Amino acid sequence: MSKILIIEDEESIAELEKDYLELSGFEVHIENSGDAGLQEALNHEYDLFILDLMLPGVDGFEICRKIREVKNAPILMVSAKRDDIDKIRGLGLGADDYITKPFSPSELVARVKAHLARYERLIGSAMPKNDIIEIRGIKIDKTARRVWVNGEERQFTTKEFDLLTFLAEHPNHVYTKEELFREIWDMESIGEIATVTVHIKKIREKIEFDTAKPQYIETIWGVGYRFKV
């Protein structure tokens, strides 16, 4: 499901856009100020951005410029301004489209679908897709070696990432500490299996809502661990 961020200070317009987009199968998040919208855009993963130009705090032009510095996802600018200079400036900063208010929600949905389809074709032809594992809110990008938990990126050490990925790739399989040590550290576990316990604890602190009642990595007493799906 594609995720869309709407940055729009007129709440009624934002909610209308959201309703139509959700009916078309998109996941939508709204921010009503430029400052909050910019932080949300930079700190979380979205497939497309819809920006109003006139926003409290940071304006849409600046948000567009900042997003384009680090992300390639489509950007649609929305404004009541009809001046060509604003369109030229927005497109020059990296926006993919410029929609003038008022517009029909169905037109917005059509443009969103068109830009997402075009973007997917471009990235599909330009590069191989990353190897992704997604399980109940956890997204592991094996290619980029990045992890998101409910949309928020978390930082992992090399061995933490390797251990989490291995368990997630073999869901519901119970592994002993010795097996995990050999698999991740590529060594015989002679008096070193405590490192597995330490790494599991650190991983849980980053992915579990309640480490006392883990929902992902379960301890099977007397045996080892498994990644629950």
C-alpha atoms as a PDB file:
ATOM      1  CA  MET A   1       0.000   0.000   0.000  1.00  0.00           C
ATOM      2  CA  SER A   2       1.478   3.360  -1.066  1.00  0.00           C
ATOM      3  CA  LYS A   3       1.889   5.956   1.700  1.00  0.00           C
ATOM      4  CA  ILE A   4       1.079   9.606   1.040  1.00  0.00           C
ATOM      5  CA  LEU A   5       1.861  12.657   3.162  1.00  0.00           C
ATOM      6  CA  ILE A   6      -0.461  15.675   2.851  1.00  0.00           C
ATOM      7  CA  ILE A   7       0.880  18.975   4.206  1.00  0.00           C
ATOM      8  CA  GLU A   8      -2.103  21.333   4.193  1.00  0.00           C
ATOM      9  CA  ASP A   9      -3.175  23.932   6.758  1.00  0.00           C
ATOM     10  CA  GLU A  10      -6.846  23.996   5.690  1.00  0.00           C
ATOM     11  CA  GLU A  11      -8.082  20.976   7.636  1.00  0.00           C
ATOM     12  CA  SER A  12     -11.317  20.558   5.695  1.00  0.00           C
ATOM     13  CA  ILE A  13      -9.411  20.356   2.402  1.00  0.00           C
ATOM     14  CA  ALA A  14      -6.832  17.987   3.858  1.00  0.00           C
ATOM     15  CA  GLU A  15      -9.508  15.666   5.245  1.00  0.00           C
ATOM     16  CA  LEU A  16     -11.385  15.655   1.923  1.00  0.00           C
ATOM     17  CA  GLU A  17      -8.197  14.764   0.047  1.00  0.00           C
ATOM     18  CA  LYS A  18      -7.458  12.061   2.597  1.00  0.00           C
ATOM     19  CA  ASP A  19     -10.935  10.527   2.305  1.00  0.00           C
ATOM     20  CA  TYR A  20     -10.740  10.247  -1.475  1.00  0.00           C
ATOM     21  CA  LEU A  21      -7.207   8.872  -1.425  1.00  0.00           C
ATOM     22  CA  GLU A  22      -8.038   6.296   1.240  1.00  0.00           C
ATOM     23  CA  LEU A  23     -11.054   5.164  -0.770  1.00  0.00           C
ATOM     24  CA  SER A  24      -8.588   4.534  -3.612  1.00  0.00           C
ATOM     25  CA  GLY A  25      -6.464   2.297  -1.408  1.00  0.00           C
ATOM     26  CA  PHE A  26      -3.759   4.687  -0.219  1.00  0.00           C
ATOM     27  CA  GLU A  27      -2.461   5.131   3.328  1.00  0.00           C
ATOM     28  CA  VAL A  28      -2.560   8.848   4.158  1.00  0.00           C
ATOM     29  CA  HIS A  29      -1.034  11.008   6.887  1.00  0.00           C
ATOM     30  CA  ILE A  30      -1.805  14.725   7.367  1.00  0.00           C
ATOM     31  CA  GLU A  31       0.282  17.540   8.849  1.00  0.00           C
ATOM     32  CA  ASN A  32      -1.252  21.026   9.158  1.00  0.00           C
ATOM     33  CA  SER A  33       1.885  23.161   9.556  1.00  0.00           C
ATOM     34  CA  GLY A  34       5.000  23.597   7.503  1.00  0.00           C
ATOM     35  CA  ASP A  35       7.403  22.852  10.349  1.00  0.00           C
ATOM     36  CA  ALA A  36       5.694  19.618  11.398  1.00  0.00           C
ATOM     37  CA  GLY A  37       5.188  18.612   7.775  1.00  0.00           C
ATOM     38  CA  LEU A  38       8.856  19.065   6.922  1.00  0.00           C
ATOM     39  CA  GLN A  39       9.992  16.993   9.892  1.00  0.00           C
ATOM     40  CA  GLU A  40       7.485  14.247   9.057  1.00  0.00           C
ATOM     41  CA  ALA A  41       8.587  14.206   5.421  1.00  0.00           C
ATOM     42  CA  LEU A  42      12.289  13.974   6.246  1.00  0.00           C
ATOM     43  CA  ASN A  43      12.039  11.474   9.092  1.00  0.00           C
ATOM     44  CA  HIS A  44       9.612   8.926   7.633  1.00  0.00           C
ATOM     45  CA  GLU A  45       9.162   7.001   4.425  1.00  0.00           C
ATOM     46  CA  TYR A  46       6.445   8.135   1.992  1.00  0.00           C
ATOM     47  CA  ASP A  47       5.766   7.245  -1.636  1.00  0.00           C
ATOM     48  CA  LEU A  48       4.332  10.656  -2.584  1.00  0.00           C
ATOM     49  CA  PHE A  49       3.969  14.137  -1.079  1.00  0.00           C
ATOM     50  CA  ILE A  50       1.111  16.641  -1.547  1.00  0.00           C
ATOM     51  CA  LEU A  51       2.197  20.147  -0.480  1.00  0.00           C
ATOM     52  CA  ASP A  52       0.189  23.315  -0.087  1.00  0.00           C
ATOM     53  CA  LEU A  53       2.268  26.403  -0.871  1.00  0.00           C
ATOM     54  CA  MET A  54       0.955  28.789   1.781  1.00  0.00           C
ATOM     55  CA  LEU A  55       1.657  27.164   5.139  1.00  0.00           C
ATOM     56  CA  PRO A  56       2.297  28.437   8.661  1.00  0.00           C
ATOM     57  CA  GLY A  57       5.984  28.150   9.445  1.00  0.00           C
ATOM     58  CA  VAL A  58       7.964  26.721   6.546  1.00  0.00           C
ATOM     59  CA  ASP A  59       6.298  27.312   3.171  1.00  0.00           C
ATOM     60  CA  GLY A  60       5.714  24.704   0.484  1.00  0.00           C
ATOM     61  CA  PHE A  61       8.621  25.904  -1.678  1.00  0.00           C
ATOM     62  CA  GLU A  62      11.137  25.346   1.118  1.00  0.00           C
ATOM     63  CA  ILE A  63       9.601  21.979   2.032  1.00  0.00           C
ATOM     64  CA  CYS A  64       9.843  20.906  -1.605  1.00  0.00           C
ATOM     65  CA  ARG A  65      13.493  21.950  -1.799  1.00  0.00           C
ATOM     66  CA  LYS A  66      14.391  20.106   1.422  1.00  0.00           C
ATOM     67  CA  ILE A  67      12.562  16.922   0.415  1.00  0.00           C
ATOM     68  CA  ARG A  68      14.152  16.884  -3.031  1.00  0.00           C
ATOM     69  CA  GLU A  69      17.624  17.094  -1.489  1.00  0.00           C
ATOM     70  CA  VAL A  70      17.228  13.624   0.026  1.00  0.00           C
ATOM     71  CA  LYS A  71      14.222  11.894  -1.585  1.00  0.00           C
ATOM     72  CA  ASN A  72      13.083  11.114  -5.129  1.00  0.00           C
ATOM     73  CA  ALA A  73       9.396  10.362  -4.446  1.00  0.00           C
ATOM     74  CA  PRO A  74       6.863  12.420  -6.464  1.00  0.00           C
ATOM     75  CA  ILE A  75       5.867  15.835  -5.097  1.00  0.00           C
ATOM     76  CA  LEU A  76       2.535  17.461  -6.012  1.00  0.00           C
ATOM     77  CA  MET A  77       2.165  21.137  -5.169  1.00  0.00           C
ATOM     78  CA  VAL A  78      -1.310  22.530  -4.462  1.00  0.00           C
ATOM     79  CA  SER A  79      -2.105  26.244  -4.345  1.00  0.00           C
ATOM     80  CA  ALA A  80      -4.811  28.848  -4.868  1.00  0.00           C
ATOM     81  CA  LYS A  81      -2.132  30.910  -6.649  1.00  0.00           C
ATOM     82  CA  ARG A  82      -2.565  30.829 -10.420  1.00  0.00           C
ATOM     83  CA  ASP A  83       0.558  32.813 -11.324  1.00  0.00           C
ATOM     84  CA  ASP A  84       2.860  31.073 -13.770  1.00  0.00           C
ATOM     85  CA  ILE A  85       5.871  32.273 -11.777  1.00  0.00           C
ATOM     86  CA  ASP A  86       4.810  30.139  -8.812  1.00  0.00           C
ATOM     87  CA  LYS A  87       4.362  27.102 -11.046  1.00  0.00           C
ATOM     88  CA  ILE A  88       7.759  27.667 -12.627  1.00  0.00           C
ATOM     89  CA  ARG A  89       9.410  28.112  -9.244  1.00  0.00           C
ATOM     90  CA  GLY A  90       7.765  25.006  -7.796  1.00  0.00           C
ATOM     91  CA  LEU A  91       8.653  22.822 -10.746  1.00  0.00           C
ATOM     92  CA  GLY A  92      12.167  24.268 -10.723  1.00  0.00           C
ATOM     93  CA  LEU A  93      12.607  23.183  -7.108  1.00  0.00           C
ATOM     94  CA  GLY A  94      11.769  19.593  -8.036  1.00  0.00           C
ATOM     95  CA  ALA A  95       7.986  19.337  -7.829  1.00  0.00           C
ATOM     96  CA  ASP A  96       6.461  16.875 -10.297  1.00  0.00           C
ATOM     97  CA  ASP A  97       3.100  18.619 -10.694  1.00  0.00           C
ATOM     98  CA  TYR A  98       1.250  21.806  -9.765  1.00  0.00           C
ATOM     99  CA  ILE A  99      -2.506  21.765  -9.105  1.00  0.00           C
ATOM    100  CA  THR A 100      -4.480  25.000  -8.781  1.00  0.00           C
ATOM    101  CA  LYS A 101      -7.313  25.282  -6.246  1.00  0.00           C
ATOM    102  CA  PRO A 102     -10.169  24.674  -6.491  1.00  0.00           C
ATOM    103  CA  PHE A 103      -9.852  21.207  -8.023  1.00  0.00           C
ATOM    104  CA  SER A 104     -11.935  18.061  -7.894  1.00  0.00           C
ATOM    105  CA  PRO A 105     -10.766  15.328  -5.506  1.00  0.00           C
ATOM    106  CA  SER A 106     -11.106  12.804  -8.319  1.00  0.00           C
ATOM    107  CA  GLU A 107      -8.624  14.833 -10.383  1.00  0.00           C
ATOM    108  CA  LEU A 108      -6.180  14.762  -7.484  1.00  0.00           C
ATOM    109  CA  VAL A 109      -6.534  10.978  -7.151  1.00  0.00           C
ATOM    110  CA  ALA A 110      -5.992  10.539 -10.893  1.00  0.00           C
ATOM    111  CA  ARG A 111      -2.821  12.623 -10.812  1.00  0.00           C
ATOM    112  CA  VAL A 112      -1.526  10.786  -7.736  1.00  0.00           C
ATOM    113  CA  LYS A 113      -2.029   7.430  -9.432  1.00  0.00           C
ATOM    114  CA  ALA A 114      -0.358   8.641 -12.626  1.00  0.00           C
ATOM    115  CA  HIS A 115       2.715   9.984 -10.831  1.00  0.00           C
ATOM    116  CA  LEU A 116       3.101   6.893  -8.654  1.00  0.00           C
ATOM    117  CA  ALA A 117       2.838   4.613 -11.695  1.00  0.00           C
ATOM    118  CA  ARG A 118       5.410   6.704 -13.563  1.00  0.00           C
ATOM    119  CA  TYR A 119       7.782   6.761 -10.597  1.00  0.00           C
ATOM    120  CA  GLU A 120       7.513   3.002 -10.121  1.00  0.00           C
ATOM    121  CA  ARG A 121       8.289   2.451 -13.802  1.00  0.00           C
ATOM    122  CA  LEU A 122      11.308   4.746 -13.582  1.00  0.00           C
ATOM    123  CA  ILE A 123      12.841   3.153 -10.519  1.00  0.00           C
ATOM    124  CA  GLY A 124      11.979  -0.295 -11.803  1.00  0.00           C
ATOM    125  CA  SER A 125      13.870   0.310 -15.037  1.00  0.00           C
ATOM    126  CA  ALA A 126      16.737   2.206 -13.451  1.00  0.00           C
ATOM    127  CA  MET A 127      17.713  -0.149 -10.663  1.00  0.00           C
ATOM    128  CA  PRO A 128      16.898  -3.520  -9.144  1.00  0.00           C
ATOM    129  CA  LYS A 129      14.409  -3.413  -6.319  1.00  0.00           C
ATOM    130  CA  ASN A 130      15.724  -3.645  -2.803  1.00  0.00           C
ATOM    131  CA  ASP A 131      15.280  -6.913  -0.952  1.00  0.00           C
ATOM    132  CA  ILE A 132      12.586  -6.093   1.620  1.00  0.00           C
ATOM    133  CA  ILE A 133      11.126  -8.095   4.525  1.00  0.00           C
ATOM    134  CA  GLU A 134       7.880  -6.752   6.033  1.00  0.00           C
ATOM    135  CA  ILE A 135       6.264  -8.384   9.064  1.00  0.00           C
ATOM    136  CA  ARG A 136       3.570  -6.774  11.253  1.00  0.00           C
ATOM    137  CA  GLY A 137       4.882  -3.216  11.182  1.00  0.00           C
ATOM    138  CA  ILE A 138       8.565  -4.087  10.859  1.00  0.00           C
ATOM    139  CA  LYS A 139      10.238  -3.303   7.551  1.00  0.00           C
ATOM    140  CA  ILE A 140      13.766  -4.603   6.945  1.00  0.00           C
ATOM    141  CA  ASP A 141      15.584  -3.385   3.844  1.00  0.00           C
ATOM    142  CA  LYS A 142      18.316  -5.993   3.387  1.00  0.00           C
ATOM    143  CA  THR A 143      19.867  -4.119   0.465  1.00  0.00           C
ATOM    144  CA  ALA A 144      20.214  -0.788   2.271  1.00  0.00           C
ATOM    145  CA  ARG A 145      20.592  -2.468   5.696  1.00  0.00           C
ATOM    146  CA  ARG A 146      17.911  -0.243   7.242  1.00  0.00           C
ATOM    147  CA  VAL A 147      15.034  -1.051   9.609  1.00  0.00           C
ATOM    148  CA  TRP A 148      11.732   0.726  10.278  1.00  0.00           C
ATOM    149  CA  VAL A 149       9.331  -0.042  13.121  1.00  0.00           C
ATOM    150  CA  ASN A 150       5.816   1.311  12.465  1.00  0.00           C
ATOM    151  CA  GLY A 151       7.271   3.792   9.992  1.00  0.00           C
ATOM    152  CA  GLU A 152      10.027   5.056  12.286  1.00  0.00           C
ATOM    153  CA  GLU A 153      13.596   4.169  11.364  1.00  0.00           C
ATOM    154  CA  ARG A 154      15.703   2.517  14.064  1.00  0.00           C
ATOM    155  CA  GLN A 155      19.483   2.163  14.127  1.00  0.00           C
ATOM    156  CA  PHE A 156      21.084  -1.276  14.479  1.00  0.00           C
ATOM    157  CA  THR A 157      24.668  -2.452  14.776  1.00  0.00           C
ATOM    158  CA  THR A 158      25.944  -4.866  12.137  1.00  0.00           C
ATOM    159  CA  LYS A 159      25.393  -7.983  14.224  1.00  0.00           C
ATOM    160  CA  GLU A 160      22.031  -6.778  15.561  1.00  0.00           C
ATOM    161  CA  PHE A 161      20.860  -6.260  11.987  1.00  0.00           C
ATOM    162  CA  ASP A 162      22.186  -9.659  10.884  1.00  0.00           C
ATOM    163  CA  LEU A 163      20.543 -11.448  13.804  1.00  0.00           C
ATOM    164  CA  LEU A 164      17.178  -9.693  13.374  1.00  0.00           C
ATOM    165  CA  THR A 165      17.207 -10.354   9.620  1.00  0.00           C
ATOM    166  CA  PHE A 166      18.083 -14.021  10.036  1.00  0.00           C
ATOM    167  CA  LEU A 167      15.259 -14.594  12.510  1.00  0.00           C
ATOM    168  CA  ALA A 168      12.759 -12.626  10.387  1.00  0.00           C
ATOM    169  CA  GLU A 169      13.724 -14.654   7.310  1.00  0.00           C
ATOM    170  CA  HIS A 170      12.921 -17.871   9.194  1.00  0.00           C
ATOM    171  CA  PRO A 171       9.678 -17.044  11.034  1.00  0.00           C
ATOM    172  CA  ASN A 172       8.295 -19.486  13.599  1.00  0.00           C
ATOM    173  CA  HIS A 173      11.511 -21.532  13.490  1.00  0.00           C
ATOM    174  CA  VAL A 174      13.032 -22.061  16.940  1.00  0.00           C
ATOM    175  CA  TYR A 175      16.807 -21.654  17.061  1.00  0.00           C
ATOM    176  CA  THR A 176      19.073 -22.460  19.966  1.00  0.00           C
ATOM    177  CA  LYS A 177      21.601 -19.876  21.121  1.00  0.00           C
ATOM    178  CA  GLU A 178      24.351 -22.135  19.801  1.00  0.00           C
ATOM    179  CA  GLU A 179      22.782 -22.252  16.343  1.00  0.00           C
ATOM    180  CA  LEU A 180      22.346 -18.481  16.236  1.00  0.00           C
ATOM    181  CA  PHE A 181      25.906 -17.891  17.366  1.00  0.00           C
ATOM    182  CA  ARG A 182      27.291 -20.160  14.665  1.00  0.00           C
ATOM    183  CA  GLU A 183      25.037 -18.597  12.026  1.00  0.00           C
ATOM    184  CA  ILE A 184      25.707 -14.934  12.800  1.00  0.00           C
ATOM    185  CA  TRP A 185      29.225 -14.991  14.206  1.00  0.00           C
ATOM    186  CA  ASP A 186      30.374 -17.934  12.064  1.00  0.00           C
ATOM    187  CA  MET A 187      32.171 -19.511  14.982  1.00  0.00           C
ATOM    188  CA  GLU A 188      31.728 -22.447  17.274  1.00  0.00           C
ATOM    189  CA  SER A 189      30.003 -21.257  20.437  1.00  0.00           C
ATOM    190  CA  ILE A 190      32.548 -22.132  23.071  1.00  0.00           C
ATOM    191  CA  GLY A 191      31.534 -20.186  26.131  1.00  0.00           C
ATOM    192  CA  GLU A 192      30.372 -17.250  24.000  1.00  0.00           C
ATOM    193  CA  ILE A 193      26.643 -17.819  23.621  1.00  0.00           C
ATOM    194  CA  ALA A 194      25.898 -15.081  26.175  1.00  0.00           C
ATOM    195  CA  THR A 195      26.517 -12.579  23.373  1.00  0.00           C
ATOM    196  CA  VAL A 196      23.361 -13.902  21.666  1.00  0.00           C
ATOM    197  CA  THR A 197      21.288 -13.071  24.744  1.00  0.00           C
ATOM    198  CA  VAL A 198      22.784  -9.575  24.895  1.00  0.00           C
ATOM    199  CA  HIS A 199      22.043  -8.907  21.233  1.00  0.00           C
ATOM    200  CA  ILE A 200      18.471 -10.231  21.517  1.00  0.00           C
ATOM    201  CA  LYS A 201      17.915  -7.862  24.456  1.00  0.00           C
ATOM    202  CA  LYS A 202      19.183  -4.882  22.451  1.00  0.00           C
ATOM    203  CA  ILE A 203      17.063  -5.795  19.427  1.00  0.00           C
ATOM    204  CA  ARG A 204      13.952  -6.104  21.586  1.00  0.00           C
ATOM    205  CA  GLU A 205      14.569  -2.644  23.033  1.00  0.00           C
ATOM    206  CA  LYS A 206      14.383  -1.278  19.481  1.00  0.00           C
ATOM    207  CA  ILE A 207      11.447  -3.233  18.037  1.00  0.00           C
ATOM    208  CA  GLU A 208       9.198  -4.275  20.905  1.00  0.00           C
ATOM    209  CA  PHE A 209       6.463  -2.105  22.430  1.00  0.00           C
ATOM    210  CA  ASP A 210       6.911  -3.925  25.756  1.00  0.00           C
ATOM    211  CA  THR A 211      10.163  -5.861  26.180  1.00  0.00           C
ATOM    212  CA  ALA A 212       8.619  -7.781  29.075  1.00  0.00           C
ATOM    213  CA  LYS A 213       5.982  -9.145  26.701  1.00  0.00           C
ATOM    214  CA  PRO A 214       7.735  -9.434  23.333  1.00  0.00           C
ATOM    215  CA  GLN A 215       5.469  -9.653  20.302  1.00  0.00           C
ATOM    216  CA  TYR A 216       8.166 -10.409  17.757  1.00  0.00           C
ATOM    217  CA  ILE A 217      11.147 -12.309  19.156  1.00  0.00           C
ATOM    218  CA  GLU A 218       9.913 -14.913  21.619  1.00  0.00           C
ATOM    219  CA  THR A 219      11.969 -16.825  24.144  1.00  0.00           C
ATOM    220  CA  ILE A 220      11.262 -20.543  24.053  1.00  0.00           C
ATOM    221  CA  TRP A 221      12.427 -21.527  27.499  1.00  0.00           C
ATOM    222  CA  GLY A 222      14.987 -24.278  27.574  1.00  0.00           C
ATOM    223  CA  VAL A 223      15.443 -24.124  23.795  1.00  0.00           C
ATOM    224  CA  GLY A 224      16.134 -20.694  22.281  1.00  0.00           C
ATOM    225  CA  TYR A 225      14.372 -18.000  20.274  1.00  0.00           C
ATOM    226  CA  ARG A 226      11.946 -17.629  17.381  1.00  0.00           C
ATOM    227  CA  PHE A 227      10.520 -14.768  15.350  1.00  0.00           C
ATOM    228  CA  LYS A 228       6.751 -14.928  15.685  1.00  0.00           C
ATOM    229  CA  VAL A 229       4.437 -14.052  12.775  1.00  0.00           C
END
